[in-house]
Structures are given as C-alpha cells and as structure tokens.
Amino acid sequence: MGTSVSYKDLSVNLLPYFSPGNNLSFVQSGLHYKTGRVELGYNYNFAPLSNEKLLPLTLSNQVYIAVVLNNVEKRDLIKAIIYPKM
C-alpha cells in the first residue's frame, strides 16, 4: 500500500515493499511532472533498514520521458473494398 499526492501537474509518490516475512525490504519514492505533450518522471528505490554489507543504500534510479503524439486515427478514410463479380 502506497501513497501519492498531486497538485496540478506535479505528483509525488511513496511505495513501501515488504518481504514475505513482513519486513520492510525497500521503499520506492518518485516524482512525476506533466507539461502538455511531455511527461518527466524520476523514481528512486532504496533500502532504509538494510543491515547487509553487500546491499547498498541505493538500489536503483529510474528516469523516464514520455512524449505524447498527435492522434493519428483515421477511421473515416478506411472503406471496404468491393470486388466485382467474376
């Protein structure tokens, strides 16, 4: 169960992941910003309660960019081809 808070075009999220033993494995936090046709996002996964020496505090960083294209649907132009009788 996570949470997300947004205001206008900016949203912030926080999502904890639990291991099968109900221990907190890691936490994912992120930002998402929408500017018309372009959407920018950043997610950060970290293990705040890790006591293992091989597992670092930061697990991964994710950055993404989404570009919205124009609607190119052309259903009105497609017509059935009627073949003449042979």
N, C-alpha and C. Protein backbone atom coordinates (compact mmCIF):
# COMPACT_ATOMS: atom_id res chain seq x y z
N MET A 1 0.85 -1.15 0.00
CA MET A 1 0.00 0.00 0.00
C MET A 1 0.90 1.23 0.00
N GLY A 2 0.67 2.11 -0.94
CA GLY A 2 1.48 3.31 -1.03
C GLY A 2 0.61 4.54 -1.03
N THR A 3 1.25 5.68 -1.24
CA THR A 3 0.51 6.92 -1.26
C THR A 3 1.04 7.81 -2.39
N SER A 4 0.16 8.63 -2.90
CA SER A 4 0.53 9.57 -3.96
C SER A 4 -0.18 10.88 -3.69
N VAL A 5 0.55 11.97 -3.82
CA VAL A 5 0.00 13.30 -3.61
C VAL A 5 0.30 14.11 -4.87
N SER A 6 -0.73 14.79 -5.38
CA SER A 6 -0.51 15.58 -6.58
C SER A 6 -1.13 16.95 -6.44
N TYR A 7 -0.53 17.89 -7.12
CA TYR A 7 -1.03 19.26 -7.20
C TYR A 7 -0.79 19.76 -8.60
N LYS A 8 -1.85 20.03 -9.32
CA LYS A 8 -1.80 20.46 -10.72
C LYS A 8 -1.05 19.43 -11.54
N ASP A 9 0.12 19.75 -12.08
CA ASP A 9 0.85 18.84 -12.97
C ASP A 9 1.97 18.07 -12.28
N LEU A 10 2.15 18.24 -10.99
CA LEU A 10 3.23 17.57 -10.25
C LEU A 10 2.64 16.56 -9.28
N SER A 11 3.21 15.35 -9.28
CA SER A 11 2.78 14.35 -8.30
C SER A 11 4.00 13.70 -7.66
N VAL A 12 3.84 13.33 -6.40
CA VAL A 12 4.89 12.69 -5.61
C VAL A 12 4.32 11.39 -5.06
N ASN A 13 5.10 10.31 -5.11
CA ASN A 13 4.59 9.04 -4.61
C ASN A 13 5.59 8.38 -3.68
N LEU A 14 5.08 7.49 -2.86
CA LEU A 14 5.89 6.73 -1.91
C LEU A 14 5.25 5.36 -1.78
N LEU A 15 6.04 4.30 -2.02
CA LEU A 15 5.52 2.95 -2.02
C LEU A 15 6.48 2.02 -1.29
N PRO A 16 6.10 1.46 -0.14
CA PRO A 16 6.97 0.51 0.56
C PRO A 16 6.75 -0.91 0.03
N TYR A 17 7.82 -1.70 -0.04
CA TYR A 17 7.77 -3.10 -0.42
C TYR A 17 8.16 -3.95 0.78
N PHE A 18 7.37 -4.99 1.03
CA PHE A 18 7.62 -5.85 2.18
C PHE A 18 8.04 -7.23 1.70
N SER A 19 8.95 -7.86 2.44
CA SER A 19 9.38 -9.22 2.14
C SER A 19 8.32 -10.19 2.67
N PRO A 20 8.39 -11.46 2.28
CA PRO A 20 7.39 -12.43 2.76
C PRO A 20 7.31 -12.54 4.28
N GLY A 21 8.36 -12.22 5.00
CA GLY A 21 8.33 -12.27 6.45
C GLY A 21 7.79 -10.99 7.08
N ASN A 22 7.10 -10.14 6.27
CA ASN A 22 6.53 -8.86 6.71
C ASN A 22 7.58 -7.87 7.18
N ASN A 23 8.77 -7.98 6.66
CA ASN A 23 9.81 -6.99 6.95
C ASN A 23 9.88 -6.00 5.79
N LEU A 24 10.21 -4.79 6.07
CA LEU A 24 10.33 -3.76 5.04
C LEU A 24 11.58 -4.05 4.21
N SER A 25 11.39 -4.36 2.93
CA SER A 25 12.52 -4.67 2.05
C SER A 25 13.15 -3.40 1.49
N PHE A 26 12.33 -2.60 0.81
CA PHE A 26 12.83 -1.33 0.29
C PHE A 26 11.66 -0.39 0.06
N VAL A 27 11.98 0.86 -0.22
CA VAL A 27 10.99 1.91 -0.43
C VAL A 27 11.24 2.54 -1.79
N GLN A 28 10.17 2.77 -2.52
CA GLN A 28 10.27 3.47 -3.80
C GLN A 28 9.61 4.83 -3.65
N SER A 29 10.32 5.87 -4.00
CA SER A 29 9.76 7.21 -4.00
C SER A 29 9.97 7.81 -5.38
N GLY A 30 9.13 8.75 -5.75
CA GLY A 30 9.28 9.30 -7.09
C GLY A 30 8.53 10.59 -7.30
N LEU A 31 8.86 11.23 -8.42
CA LEU A 31 8.23 12.47 -8.87
C LEU A 31 7.74 12.27 -10.29
N HIS A 32 6.65 12.93 -10.64
CA HIS A 32 6.13 12.88 -12.00
C HIS A 32 5.62 14.28 -12.33
N TYR A 33 6.07 14.80 -13.48
CA TYR A 33 5.69 16.15 -13.89
C TYR A 33 5.19 16.11 -15.32
N LYS A 34 4.02 16.66 -15.57
CA LYS A 34 3.41 16.67 -16.90
C LYS A 34 3.38 18.10 -17.43
N THR A 35 3.92 18.29 -18.64
CA THR A 35 3.92 19.60 -19.28
C THR A 35 3.31 19.48 -20.66
N GLY A 36 2.01 19.40 -20.75
CA GLY A 36 1.36 19.31 -22.05
C GLY A 36 1.66 18.02 -22.76
N ARG A 37 2.57 18.04 -23.74
CA ARG A 37 2.89 16.85 -24.53
C ARG A 37 4.06 16.04 -23.98
N VAL A 38 4.76 16.53 -22.99
CA VAL A 38 5.92 15.83 -22.44
C VAL A 38 5.69 15.53 -20.96
N GLU A 39 6.00 14.29 -20.57
CA GLU A 39 5.91 13.89 -19.17
C GLU A 39 7.29 13.45 -18.69
N LEU A 40 7.70 13.96 -17.55
CA LEU A 40 9.01 13.63 -16.98
C LEU A 40 8.80 12.91 -15.66
N GLY A 41 9.64 11.92 -15.39
CA GLY A 41 9.49 11.19 -14.14
C GLY A 41 10.82 10.74 -13.58
N TYR A 42 10.86 10.57 -12.29
CA TYR A 42 12.06 10.09 -11.60
C TYR A 42 11.62 9.19 -10.45
N ASN A 43 12.15 7.98 -10.39
CA ASN A 43 11.88 7.04 -9.30
C ASN A 43 13.20 6.65 -8.65
N TYR A 44 13.17 6.50 -7.34
CA TYR A 44 14.36 6.18 -6.56
C TYR A 44 14.00 5.04 -5.61
N ASN A 45 14.70 3.92 -5.71
CA ASN A 45 14.47 2.78 -4.83
C ASN A 45 15.63 2.69 -3.84
N PHE A 46 15.31 2.59 -2.57
CA PHE A 46 16.38 2.47 -1.57
C PHE A 46 15.94 1.55 -0.44
N ALA A 47 16.92 1.04 0.27
CA ALA A 47 16.69 0.12 1.38
C ALA A 47 17.09 0.83 2.68
N PRO A 48 16.15 1.47 3.35
CA PRO A 48 16.50 2.28 4.52
C PRO A 48 16.90 1.45 5.75
N LEU A 49 16.40 0.23 5.88
CA LEU A 49 16.68 -0.57 7.07
C LEU A 49 17.60 -1.75 6.77
N SER A 50 18.38 -1.66 5.72
CA SER A 50 19.26 -2.76 5.35
C SER A 50 20.46 -2.82 6.29
N ASN A 51 20.71 -4.02 6.82
CA ASN A 51 21.90 -4.21 7.65
C ASN A 51 22.91 -5.12 6.97
N GLU A 52 22.69 -5.43 5.70
CA GLU A 52 23.63 -6.24 4.94
C GLU A 52 24.72 -5.36 4.36
N LYS A 53 25.94 -5.85 4.38
CA LYS A 53 27.06 -5.06 3.86
C LYS A 53 27.13 -5.11 2.33
N LEU A 54 26.55 -6.16 1.73
CA LEU A 54 26.59 -6.27 0.27
C LEU A 54 25.49 -5.46 -0.41
N LEU A 55 24.43 -5.14 0.31
CA LEU A 55 23.32 -4.39 -0.27
C LEU A 55 23.48 -2.91 0.07
N PRO A 56 23.74 -2.09 -0.93
CA PRO A 56 23.93 -0.66 -0.64
C PRO A 56 22.60 0.02 -0.31
N LEU A 57 22.71 1.23 0.13
CA LEU A 57 21.52 2.00 0.47
C LEU A 57 20.66 2.26 -0.77
N THR A 58 21.29 2.60 -1.88
CA THR A 58 20.56 2.87 -3.12
C THR A 58 20.48 1.61 -3.96
N LEU A 59 19.26 1.20 -4.32
CA LEU A 59 19.08 0.03 -5.16
C LEU A 59 19.02 0.40 -6.63
N SER A 60 18.27 1.45 -6.98
CA SER A 60 18.21 1.86 -8.38
C SER A 60 17.62 3.26 -8.51
N ASN A 61 17.97 3.89 -9.60
CA ASN A 61 17.41 5.18 -10.01
C ASN A 61 16.78 4.99 -11.38
N GLN A 62 15.62 5.56 -11.59
CA GLN A 62 14.95 5.47 -12.88
C GLN A 62 14.51 6.87 -13.30
N VAL A 63 14.86 7.22 -14.53
CA VAL A 63 14.43 8.49 -15.11
C VAL A 63 13.71 8.15 -16.41
N TYR A 64 12.55 8.75 -16.63
CA TYR A 64 11.84 8.48 -17.86
C TYR A 64 11.25 9.76 -18.43
N ILE A 65 11.10 9.73 -19.76
CA ILE A 65 10.49 10.83 -20.51
C ILE A 65 9.45 10.21 -21.44
N ALA A 66 8.25 10.72 -21.42
CA ALA A 66 7.19 10.25 -22.31
C ALA A 66 6.75 11.42 -23.17
N VAL A 67 6.65 11.18 -24.47
CA VAL A 67 6.23 12.20 -25.42
C VAL A 67 4.87 11.79 -25.98
N VAL A 68 3.90 12.65 -25.88
CA VAL A 68 2.55 12.37 -26.37
C VAL A 68 2.48 12.80 -27.83
N LEU A 69 2.09 11.89 -28.70
CA LEU A 69 1.98 12.18 -30.12
C LEU A 69 0.57 12.62 -30.46
N ASN A 70 0.42 13.19 -31.63
CA ASN A 70 -0.91 13.58 -32.10
C ASN A 70 -1.77 12.35 -32.33
N ASN A 71 -3.07 12.52 -32.27
CA ASN A 71 -3.99 11.43 -32.57
C ASN A 71 -3.98 11.21 -34.08
N VAL A 72 -3.54 10.05 -34.52
CA VAL A 72 -3.43 9.78 -35.95
C VAL A 72 -4.48 8.77 -36.41
N GLU A 73 -5.52 8.61 -35.66
CA GLU A 73 -6.55 7.66 -36.03
C GLU A 73 -7.33 8.18 -37.22
N LYS A 74 -7.44 7.37 -38.24
CA LYS A 74 -8.10 7.78 -39.49
C LYS A 74 -9.20 6.79 -39.87
N ARG A 75 -10.10 6.50 -38.99
CA ARG A 75 -11.15 5.51 -39.27
C ARG A 75 -12.10 5.95 -40.38
N ASP A 76 -12.30 7.21 -40.52
CA ASP A 76 -13.26 7.68 -41.53
C ASP A 76 -12.78 7.44 -42.95
N LEU A 77 -11.48 7.31 -43.16
CA LEU A 77 -10.95 7.16 -44.51
C LEU A 77 -10.93 5.71 -44.99
N ILE A 78 -11.00 4.76 -44.08
CA ILE A 78 -10.92 3.36 -44.47
C ILE A 78 -12.31 2.88 -44.89
N LYS A 79 -12.37 2.33 -46.11
CA LYS A 79 -13.65 1.84 -46.62
C LYS A 79 -13.45 0.41 -47.11
N ALA A 80 -14.50 -0.33 -47.14
CA ALA A 80 -14.43 -1.71 -47.60
C ALA A 80 -14.21 -1.75 -49.12
N ILE A 81 -13.39 -2.67 -49.55
CA ILE A 81 -13.15 -2.86 -50.97
C ILE A 81 -14.17 -3.88 -51.49
N ILE A 82 -14.97 -3.47 -52.43
CA ILE A 82 -15.99 -4.36 -53.01
C ILE A 82 -15.48 -4.83 -54.36
N TYR A 83 -15.22 -6.13 -54.45
CA TYR A 83 -14.73 -6.70 -55.70
C TYR A 83 -15.90 -6.95 -56.65
N PRO A 84 -15.70 -6.73 -57.95
CA PRO A 84 -16.79 -7.01 -58.90
C PRO A 84 -17.01 -8.52 -59.02
N LYS A 85 -18.20 -8.92 -59.43
CA LYS A 85 -18.49 -10.34 -59.63
C LYS A 85 -17.65 -10.87 -60.77
N MET A 86 -17.13 -12.05 -60.56
CA MET A 86 -16.31 -12.66 -61.63
C MET A 86 -17.05 -13.78 -62.31
